[in-house]
Amino acid sequence: MATSEEVKNYYDSFNEHQRELGINVRHRTIFKNLKKAGLKPGSNVLEIGCGIGTVSHLILRYLKRGSYVGVDISPDNIRTAKIKNSFHKNAEFFVDDMSNFVSSRKFDFIVFPDVLEHIPVEQHKRIFESISTVSTDNVTVVINIPEPYTLDWHRRNNSGALQIIDQSLSMKDLCNDCYPFGFYLYSMVPYGLQYQHEEYLSIILKKDFVRETIVTKSKFQLGLQNYKAKVGS
């Protein structure tokens, strides 16, 4: 397994490739999924693995009243991200590997844009422990990762396209790593961009809570629901 210094150096050298790619459909899809999950112009956002600030740029153009913090292991990436997003007064970028991340600010959105697969699995528990201390009770954690079976195919047939660490992550491991720190799996949606099958997973975690009330739908809503079910059958 690569050392943290080797990983940092790899992503320093990966900077130019990211700049050549620019903002693409994957970045825009992650941002759209953030908005579907409830991102608002006044949200406080933490982005882990922000790279050179591509998804960050889309988020920051949308955040009119909120605040943003982006972290990445690569100093070169952070320097580029700061320049790219200097237009936003409430944006901060830091070099951090999330092993001991602290913040006086509480975040209501935390996004991992295709980064967890590049962080050794044995470090994931520590990351979820860290973000649990800086998140609000109503936090939404949006995770984008490669669909594991597609990534396995690349490992067998196209390994040169993989990055220095590129793990196929299981939902079992993800849940085991995040549940001890008060998160639960809210949704998991597979989707494809380049291929005609699932290529990525969009995963949402939320904080554990106690449901205090149950509200039944109105008779009209139940009747309309029943009608639509019959028509669609």
C-alpha atoms as a PDB file:
ATOM      1  CA  MET A   1       0.000   0.000   0.000  1.00  0.00           C
ATOM      2  CA  ALA A   2       1.287   3.459  -0.907  1.00  0.00           C
ATOM      3  CA  THR A   3       2.432   5.760   1.882  1.00  0.00           C
ATOM      4  CA  SER A   4       0.708   9.086   2.537  1.00  0.00           C
ATOM      5  CA  GLU A   5       3.770  10.896   1.123  1.00  0.00           C
ATOM      6  CA  GLU A   6       3.578   8.835  -2.081  1.00  0.00           C
ATOM      7  CA  VAL A   7      -0.126   9.598  -2.376  1.00  0.00           C
ATOM      8  CA  LYS A   8       0.482  13.328  -1.832  1.00  0.00           C
ATOM      9  CA  ASN A   9       3.196  13.355  -4.508  1.00  0.00           C
ATOM     10  CA  TYR A  10       0.967  11.426  -6.910  1.00  0.00           C
ATOM     11  CA  TYR A  11      -1.861  13.948  -6.630  1.00  0.00           C
ATOM     12  CA  ASP A  12       0.559  16.859  -6.882  1.00  0.00           C
ATOM     13  CA  SER A  13       1.595  15.432 -10.249  1.00  0.00           C
ATOM     14  CA  PHE A  14      -2.085  14.701 -11.111  1.00  0.00           C
ATOM     15  CA  ASN A  15      -2.841  18.431 -10.966  1.00  0.00           C
ATOM     16  CA  GLU A  16      -2.139  19.114 -14.649  1.00  0.00           C
ATOM     17  CA  HIS A  17      -4.359  16.202 -15.765  1.00  0.00           C
ATOM     18  CA  GLN A  18      -7.249  17.595 -13.714  1.00  0.00           C
ATOM     19  CA  ARG A  19      -6.796  21.036 -15.264  1.00  0.00           C
ATOM     20  CA  GLU A  20      -6.841  19.537 -18.754  1.00  0.00           C
ATOM     21  CA  LEU A  21     -10.089  17.694 -18.001  1.00  0.00           C
ATOM     22  CA  GLY A  22     -11.810  20.747 -16.557  1.00  0.00           C
ATOM     23  CA  ILE A  23     -15.385  20.519 -15.323  1.00  0.00           C
ATOM     24  CA  ASN A  24     -17.054  17.505 -16.939  1.00  0.00           C
ATOM     25  CA  VAL A  25     -20.324  15.573 -16.779  1.00  0.00           C
ATOM     26  CA  ARG A  26     -19.200  13.606 -13.701  1.00  0.00           C
ATOM     27  CA  HIS A  27     -18.605  16.809 -11.724  1.00  0.00           C
ATOM     28  CA  ARG A  28     -21.933  18.254 -12.873  1.00  0.00           C
ATOM     29  CA  THR A  29     -23.742  15.035 -11.922  1.00  0.00           C
ATOM     30  CA  ILE A  30     -22.256  15.094  -8.406  1.00  0.00           C
ATOM     31  CA  PHE A  31     -23.381  18.713  -8.048  1.00  0.00           C
ATOM     32  CA  LYS A  32     -26.900  17.892  -9.326  1.00  0.00           C
ATOM     33  CA  ASN A  33     -27.097  15.026  -6.833  1.00  0.00           C
ATOM     34  CA  LEU A  34     -26.107  17.459  -4.072  1.00  0.00           C
ATOM     35  CA  LYS A  35     -28.982  19.741  -5.023  1.00  0.00           C
ATOM     36  CA  LYS A  36     -31.390  16.789  -5.185  1.00  0.00           C
ATOM     37  CA  ALA A  37     -30.252  15.898  -1.658  1.00  0.00           C
ATOM     38  CA  GLY A  38     -31.306  19.346  -0.463  1.00  0.00           C
ATOM     39  CA  LEU A  39     -28.298  21.640  -0.893  1.00  0.00           C
ATOM     40  CA  LYS A  40     -29.402  25.250  -0.478  1.00  0.00           C
ATOM     41  CA  PRO A  41     -27.700  28.594  -1.267  1.00  0.00           C
ATOM     42  CA  GLY A  42     -27.290  29.085   2.480  1.00  0.00           C
ATOM     43  CA  SER A  43     -25.798  25.670   3.291  1.00  0.00           C
ATOM     44  CA  ASN A  44     -22.485  25.170   5.095  1.00  0.00           C
ATOM     45  CA  VAL A  45     -20.471  22.666   3.035  1.00  0.00           C
ATOM     46  CA  LEU A  46     -17.373  20.568   3.683  1.00  0.00           C
ATOM     47  CA  GLU A  47     -15.828  18.928   0.610  1.00  0.00           C
ATOM     48  CA  ILE A  48     -13.308  16.166   1.277  1.00  0.00           C
ATOM     49  CA  GLY A  49     -10.892  15.505  -1.574  1.00  0.00           C
ATOM     50  CA  CYS A  50     -11.681  18.724  -3.413  1.00  0.00           C
ATOM     51  CA  GLY A  51      -8.793  18.308  -5.875  1.00  0.00           C
ATOM     52  CA  ILE A  52      -8.179  21.461  -7.907  1.00  0.00           C
ATOM     53  CA  GLY A  53     -11.660  22.768  -7.075  1.00  0.00           C
ATOM     54  CA  THR A  54     -13.839  21.554  -9.960  1.00  0.00           C
ATOM     55  CA  VAL A  55     -16.921  20.359  -8.047  1.00  0.00           C
ATOM     56  CA  SER A  56     -16.070  23.141  -5.599  1.00  0.00           C
ATOM     57  CA  HIS A  57     -16.531  25.709  -8.376  1.00  0.00           C
ATOM     58  CA  LEU A  58     -20.048  24.457  -9.133  1.00  0.00           C
ATOM     59  CA  ILE A  59     -20.954  24.458  -5.424  1.00  0.00           C
ATOM     60  CA  LEU A  60     -19.540  27.923  -4.815  1.00  0.00           C
ATOM     61  CA  ARG A  61     -21.360  29.482  -7.761  1.00  0.00           C
ATOM     62  CA  TYR A  62     -24.566  28.193  -6.124  1.00  0.00           C
ATOM     63  CA  LEU A  63     -23.775  29.143  -2.506  1.00  0.00           C
ATOM     64  CA  LYS A  64     -24.935  32.736  -2.161  1.00  0.00           C
ATOM     65  CA  ARG A  65     -25.171  32.951   1.625  1.00  0.00           C
ATOM     66  CA  GLY A  66     -23.543  29.758   2.853  1.00  0.00           C
ATOM     67  CA  SER A  67     -19.950  28.864   3.659  1.00  0.00           C
ATOM     68  CA  TYR A  68     -17.563  26.287   2.231  1.00  0.00           C
ATOM     69  CA  VAL A  69     -14.420  24.433   3.315  1.00  0.00           C
ATOM     70  CA  GLY A  70     -12.462  22.230   0.917  1.00  0.00           C
ATOM     71  CA  VAL A  71      -9.671  19.878   1.960  1.00  0.00           C
ATOM     72  CA  ASP A  72      -7.232  17.798  -0.056  1.00  0.00           C
ATOM     73  CA  ILE A  73      -4.008  15.917   0.623  1.00  0.00           C
ATOM     74  CA  SER A  74      -2.167  17.694  -2.219  1.00  0.00           C
ATOM     75  CA  PRO A  75      -0.696  21.174  -1.584  1.00  0.00           C
ATOM     76  CA  ASP A  76      -0.552  21.804  -5.350  1.00  0.00           C
ATOM     77  CA  ASN A  77      -4.244  20.972  -5.683  1.00  0.00           C
ATOM     78  CA  ILE A  78      -5.143  23.336  -2.850  1.00  0.00           C
ATOM     79  CA  ARG A  79      -3.131  26.179  -4.370  1.00  0.00           C
ATOM     80  CA  THR A  80      -4.974  25.709  -7.686  1.00  0.00           C
ATOM     81  CA  ALA A  81      -8.371  25.413  -5.971  1.00  0.00           C
ATOM     82  CA  LYS A  82      -7.803  28.678  -4.084  1.00  0.00           C
ATOM     83  CA  ILE A  83      -7.020  30.540  -7.305  1.00  0.00           C
ATOM     84  CA  LYS A  84      -9.896  28.939  -9.223  1.00  0.00           C
ATOM     85  CA  ASN A  85     -12.428  29.849  -6.544  1.00  0.00           C
ATOM     86  CA  SER A  86     -11.090  33.130  -5.195  1.00  0.00           C
ATOM     87  CA  PHE A  87     -14.337  34.840  -6.235  1.00  0.00           C
ATOM     88  CA  HIS A  88     -16.184  33.423  -3.190  1.00  0.00           C
ATOM     89  CA  LYS A  89     -15.590  35.303   0.063  1.00  0.00           C
ATOM     90  CA  ASN A  90     -16.726  32.450   2.333  1.00  0.00           C
ATOM     91  CA  ALA A  91     -14.594  29.712   0.738  1.00  0.00           C
ATOM     92  CA  GLU A  92     -11.573  28.241   2.526  1.00  0.00           C
ATOM     93  CA  PHE A  93      -9.185  25.549   1.295  1.00  0.00           C
ATOM     94  CA  PHE A  94      -6.787  23.540   3.475  1.00  0.00           C
ATOM     95  CA  VAL A  95      -4.235  20.772   3.041  1.00  0.00           C
ATOM     96  CA  ASP A  96      -5.553  17.976   5.255  1.00  0.00           C
ATOM     97  CA  ASP A  97      -5.735  14.163   5.111  1.00  0.00           C
ATOM     98  CA  MET A  98      -8.758  14.120   7.485  1.00  0.00           C
ATOM     99  CA  SER A  99      -6.947  11.979  10.041  1.00  0.00           C
ATOM    100  CA  ASN A 100      -7.309  14.685  12.711  1.00  0.00           C
ATOM    101  CA  PHE A 101      -9.630  17.229  11.134  1.00  0.00           C
ATOM    102  CA  VAL A 102     -11.130  19.795  13.502  1.00  0.00           C
ATOM    103  CA  SER A 103     -13.371  22.785  12.878  1.00  0.00           C
ATOM    104  CA  SER A 104     -15.300  25.225  15.026  1.00  0.00           C
ATOM    105  CA  ARG A 105     -17.899  25.320  12.238  1.00  0.00           C
ATOM    106  CA  LYS A 106     -20.651  22.727  11.961  1.00  0.00           C
ATOM    107  CA  PHE A 107     -21.474  21.545   8.440  1.00  0.00           C
ATOM    108  CA  ASP A 108     -24.910  20.549   7.164  1.00  0.00           C
ATOM    109  CA  PHE A 109     -23.530  19.103   3.909  1.00  0.00           C
ATOM    110  CA  ILE A 110     -20.408  16.954   3.570  1.00  0.00           C
ATOM    111  CA  VAL A 111     -19.408  15.683   0.135  1.00  0.00           C
ATOM    112  CA  PHE A 112     -16.908  13.007  -0.919  1.00  0.00           C
ATOM    113  CA  PRO A 113     -16.579  13.442  -4.728  1.00  0.00           C
ATOM    114  CA  ASP A 114     -14.928  10.164  -5.814  1.00  0.00           C
ATOM    115  CA  VAL A 115     -12.369  10.215  -3.025  1.00  0.00           C
ATOM    116  CA  LEU A 116     -13.157   7.408  -0.548  1.00  0.00           C
ATOM    117  CA  GLU A 117     -11.918   4.764  -3.003  1.00  0.00           C
ATOM    118  CA  HIS A 118      -8.535   6.516  -2.972  1.00  0.00           C
ATOM    119  CA  ILE A 119      -8.211   6.489   0.836  1.00  0.00           C
ATOM    120  CA  PRO A 120      -7.103   3.173   2.424  1.00  0.00           C
ATOM    121  CA  VAL A 121     -10.137   1.390   3.862  1.00  0.00           C
ATOM    122  CA  GLU A 122      -8.485   1.057   7.276  1.00  0.00           C
ATOM    123  CA  GLN A 123      -8.592   4.871   7.570  1.00  0.00           C
ATOM    124  CA  HIS A 124     -12.313   5.230   6.829  1.00  0.00           C
ATOM    125  CA  LYS A 125     -13.489   4.741  10.417  1.00  0.00           C
ATOM    126  CA  ARG A 126     -11.266   7.592  11.569  1.00  0.00           C
ATOM    127  CA  ILE A 127     -12.634   9.853   8.827  1.00  0.00           C
ATOM    128  CA  PHE A 128     -16.253   9.157   9.785  1.00  0.00           C
ATOM    129  CA  GLU A 129     -15.361   9.750  13.421  1.00  0.00           C
ATOM    130  CA  SER A 130     -13.846  13.123  12.429  1.00  0.00           C
ATOM    131  CA  ILE A 131     -16.812  14.287  10.363  1.00  0.00           C
ATOM    132  CA  SER A 132     -19.263  13.208  13.070  1.00  0.00           C
ATOM    133  CA  THR A 133     -17.763  15.878  15.348  1.00  0.00           C
ATOM    134  CA  VAL A 134     -18.110  18.697  12.785  1.00  0.00           C
ATOM    135  CA  SER A 135     -21.577  17.935  11.412  1.00  0.00           C
ATOM    136  CA  THR A 136     -24.983  19.251  12.425  1.00  0.00           C
ATOM    137  CA  ASP A 137     -27.725  16.933  13.641  1.00  0.00           C
ATOM    138  CA  ASN A 138     -29.408  17.313  10.239  1.00  0.00           C
ATOM    139  CA  VAL A 139     -26.250  16.705   8.190  1.00  0.00           C
ATOM    140  CA  THR A 140     -26.448  15.126   4.745  1.00  0.00           C
ATOM    141  CA  VAL A 141     -23.336  13.243   3.619  1.00  0.00           C
ATOM    142  CA  VAL A 142     -23.150  12.745  -0.162  1.00  0.00           C
ATOM    143  CA  ILE A 143     -20.634  10.130  -1.332  1.00  0.00           C
ATOM    144  CA  ASN A 144     -19.828   9.407  -4.970  1.00  0.00           C
ATOM    145  CA  ILE A 145     -17.751   6.285  -5.654  1.00  0.00           C
ATOM    146  CA  PRO A 146     -17.156   3.986  -8.642  1.00  0.00           C
ATOM    147  CA  GLU A 147     -19.521   1.032  -8.875  1.00  0.00           C
ATOM    148  CA  PRO A 148     -17.315  -1.793  -7.486  1.00  0.00           C
ATOM    149  CA  TYR A 149     -17.917  -4.413 -10.194  1.00  0.00           C
ATOM    150  CA  THR A 150     -17.099  -1.910 -12.927  1.00  0.00           C
ATOM    151  CA  LEU A 151     -13.935  -0.918 -11.057  1.00  0.00           C
ATOM    152  CA  ASP A 152     -13.037  -4.621 -10.733  1.00  0.00           C
ATOM    153  CA  TRP A 153     -13.365  -4.935 -14.525  1.00  0.00           C
ATOM    154  CA  HIS A 154     -10.921  -2.056 -15.006  1.00  0.00           C
ATOM    155  CA  ARG A 155      -8.541  -3.685 -12.550  1.00  0.00           C
ATOM    156  CA  ARG A 156      -8.541  -6.867 -14.671  1.00  0.00           C
ATOM    157  CA  ASN A 157      -8.625  -5.271 -18.119  1.00  0.00           C
ATOM    158  CA  ASN A 158      -7.529  -1.631 -17.913  1.00  0.00           C
ATOM    159  CA  SER A 159      -5.363  -1.291 -14.806  1.00  0.00           C
ATOM    160  CA  GLY A 160      -3.341   1.544 -16.338  1.00  0.00           C
ATOM    161  CA  ALA A 161      -6.376   3.804 -15.961  1.00  0.00           C
ATOM    162  CA  LEU A 162      -6.465   3.332 -12.168  1.00  0.00           C
ATOM    163  CA  GLN A 163      -4.968   5.777  -9.702  1.00  0.00           C
ATOM    164  CA  ILE A 164      -2.289   5.056  -7.099  1.00  0.00           C
ATOM    165  CA  ILE A 165      -4.959   3.724  -4.696  1.00  0.00           C
ATOM    166  CA  ASP A 166      -8.240   2.655  -6.330  1.00  0.00           C
ATOM    167  CA  GLN A 167     -10.250   0.274  -4.146  1.00  0.00           C
ATOM    168  CA  SER A 168     -13.571  -1.399  -4.887  1.00  0.00           C
ATOM    169  CA  LEU A 169     -15.654  -0.426  -1.861  1.00  0.00           C
ATOM    170  CA  SER A 170     -18.455  -2.554  -0.471  1.00  0.00           C
ATOM    171  CA  MET A 171     -21.621  -1.197   1.100  1.00  0.00           C
ATOM    172  CA  LYS A 172     -21.054  -3.628   3.971  1.00  0.00           C
ATOM    173  CA  ASP A 173     -17.698  -2.038   4.816  1.00  0.00           C
ATOM    174  CA  LEU A 174     -19.068   1.477   4.352  1.00  0.00           C
ATOM    175  CA  CYS A 175     -21.930   0.835   6.762  1.00  0.00           C
ATOM    176  CA  ASN A 176     -19.650  -0.879   9.290  1.00  0.00           C
ATOM    177  CA  ASP A 177     -17.324   2.131   9.170  1.00  0.00           C
ATOM    178  CA  CYS A 178     -19.927   4.901   9.469  1.00  0.00           C
ATOM    179  CA  TYR A 179     -22.655   3.415  11.719  1.00  0.00           C
ATOM    180  CA  PRO A 180     -20.569   3.482  14.956  1.00  0.00           C
ATOM    181  CA  PHE A 181     -20.373   7.278  14.625  1.00  0.00           C
ATOM    182  CA  GLY A 182     -24.069   7.983  14.371  1.00  0.00           C
ATOM    183  CA  PHE A 183     -24.643   7.782  10.600  1.00  0.00           C
ATOM    184  CA  TYR A 184     -27.032   5.546   8.699  1.00  0.00           C
ATOM    185  CA  LEU A 185     -27.517   4.696   5.028  1.00  0.00           C
ATOM    186  CA  TYR A 186     -30.334   6.873   3.697  1.00  0.00           C
ATOM    187  CA  SER A 187     -30.107   5.963  -0.012  1.00  0.00           C
ATOM    188  CA  MET A 188     -27.868   4.392  -2.633  1.00  0.00           C
ATOM    189  CA  VAL A 189     -28.477   5.005  -6.352  1.00  0.00           C
ATOM    190  CA  PRO A 190     -26.368   3.383  -9.090  1.00  0.00           C
ATOM    191  CA  TYR A 191     -25.970   5.307 -12.354  1.00  0.00           C
ATOM    192  CA  GLY A 192     -23.955   5.267 -15.567  1.00  0.00           C
ATOM    193  CA  LEU A 193     -22.352   8.029 -17.591  1.00  0.00           C
ATOM    194  CA  GLN A 194     -19.814   6.623 -20.019  1.00  0.00           C
ATOM    195  CA  TYR A 195     -21.184   3.073 -20.078  1.00  0.00           C
ATOM    196  CA  GLN A 196     -24.596   1.548 -20.675  1.00  0.00           C
ATOM    197  CA  HIS A 197     -24.654   0.108 -17.166  1.00  0.00           C
ATOM    198  CA  GLU A 198     -23.981   1.219 -13.606  1.00  0.00           C
ATOM    199  CA  GLU A 199     -20.647   3.011 -13.379  1.00  0.00           C
ATOM    200  CA  TYR A 200     -20.990   5.049 -10.174  1.00  0.00           C
ATOM    201  CA  LEU A 201     -22.881   4.928  -6.895  1.00  0.00           C
ATOM    202  CA  SER A 202     -24.425   8.035  -5.357  1.00  0.00           C
ATOM    203  CA  ILE A 203     -24.739   7.346  -1.636  1.00  0.00           C
ATOM    204  CA  ILE A 204     -26.414   9.494   0.999  1.00  0.00           C
ATOM    205  CA  LEU A 205     -25.814   9.133   4.730  1.00  0.00           C
ATOM    206  CA  LYS A 206     -27.738  10.948   7.442  1.00  0.00           C
ATOM    207  CA  LYS A 207     -27.448  11.185  11.220  1.00  0.00           C
ATOM    208  CA  ASP A 208     -29.367   8.755  13.418  1.00  0.00           C
ATOM    209  CA  PHE A 209     -32.537  10.197  14.908  1.00  0.00           C
ATOM    210  CA  VAL A 210     -35.649   9.191  16.846  1.00  0.00           C
ATOM    211  CA  ARG A 211     -38.900   9.582  14.913  1.00  0.00           C
ATOM    212  CA  GLU A 212     -41.263  11.301  17.315  1.00  0.00           C
ATOM    213  CA  THR A 213     -44.444  11.287  15.191  1.00  0.00           C
ATOM    214  CA  ILE A 214     -45.996   9.354  12.321  1.00  0.00           C
ATOM    215  CA  VAL A 215     -48.247  11.319   9.949  1.00  0.00           C
ATOM    216  CA  THR A 216     -50.739   9.374   7.835  1.00  0.00           C
ATOM    217  CA  LYS A 217     -51.508  10.592   4.322  1.00  0.00           C
ATOM    218  CA  SER A 218     -54.931  12.144   3.741  1.00  0.00           C
ATOM    219  CA  LYS A 219     -57.758  10.073   2.227  1.00  0.00           C
ATOM    220  CA  PHE A 220     -57.363  12.054  -0.992  1.00  0.00           C
ATOM    221  CA  GLN A 221     -53.634  11.319  -1.166  1.00  0.00           C
ATOM    222  CA  LEU A 222     -54.215   7.625  -0.442  1.00  0.00           C
ATOM    223  CA  GLY A 223     -56.987   7.442  -3.041  1.00  0.00           C
ATOM    224  CA  LEU A 224     -54.857   9.157  -5.678  1.00  0.00           C
ATOM    225  CA  GLN A 225     -51.972   6.842  -4.856  1.00  0.00           C
ATOM    226  CA  ASN A 226     -54.221   3.809  -5.224  1.00  0.00           C
ATOM    227  CA  TYR A 227     -55.583   5.082  -8.559  1.00  0.00           C
ATOM    228  CA  LYS A 228     -52.089   5.670  -9.976  1.00  0.00           C
ATOM    229  CA  ALA A 229     -51.044   2.183  -8.878  1.00  0.00           C
ATOM    230  CA  LYS A 230     -54.027   0.639 -10.701  1.00  0.00           C
ATOM    231  CA  VAL A 231     -53.448   2.671 -13.871  1.00  0.00           C
ATOM    232  CA  GLY A 232     -49.781   1.792 -13.913  1.00  0.00           C
ATOM    233  CA  SER A 233     -50.339  -1.950 -13.383  1.00  0.00           C
END
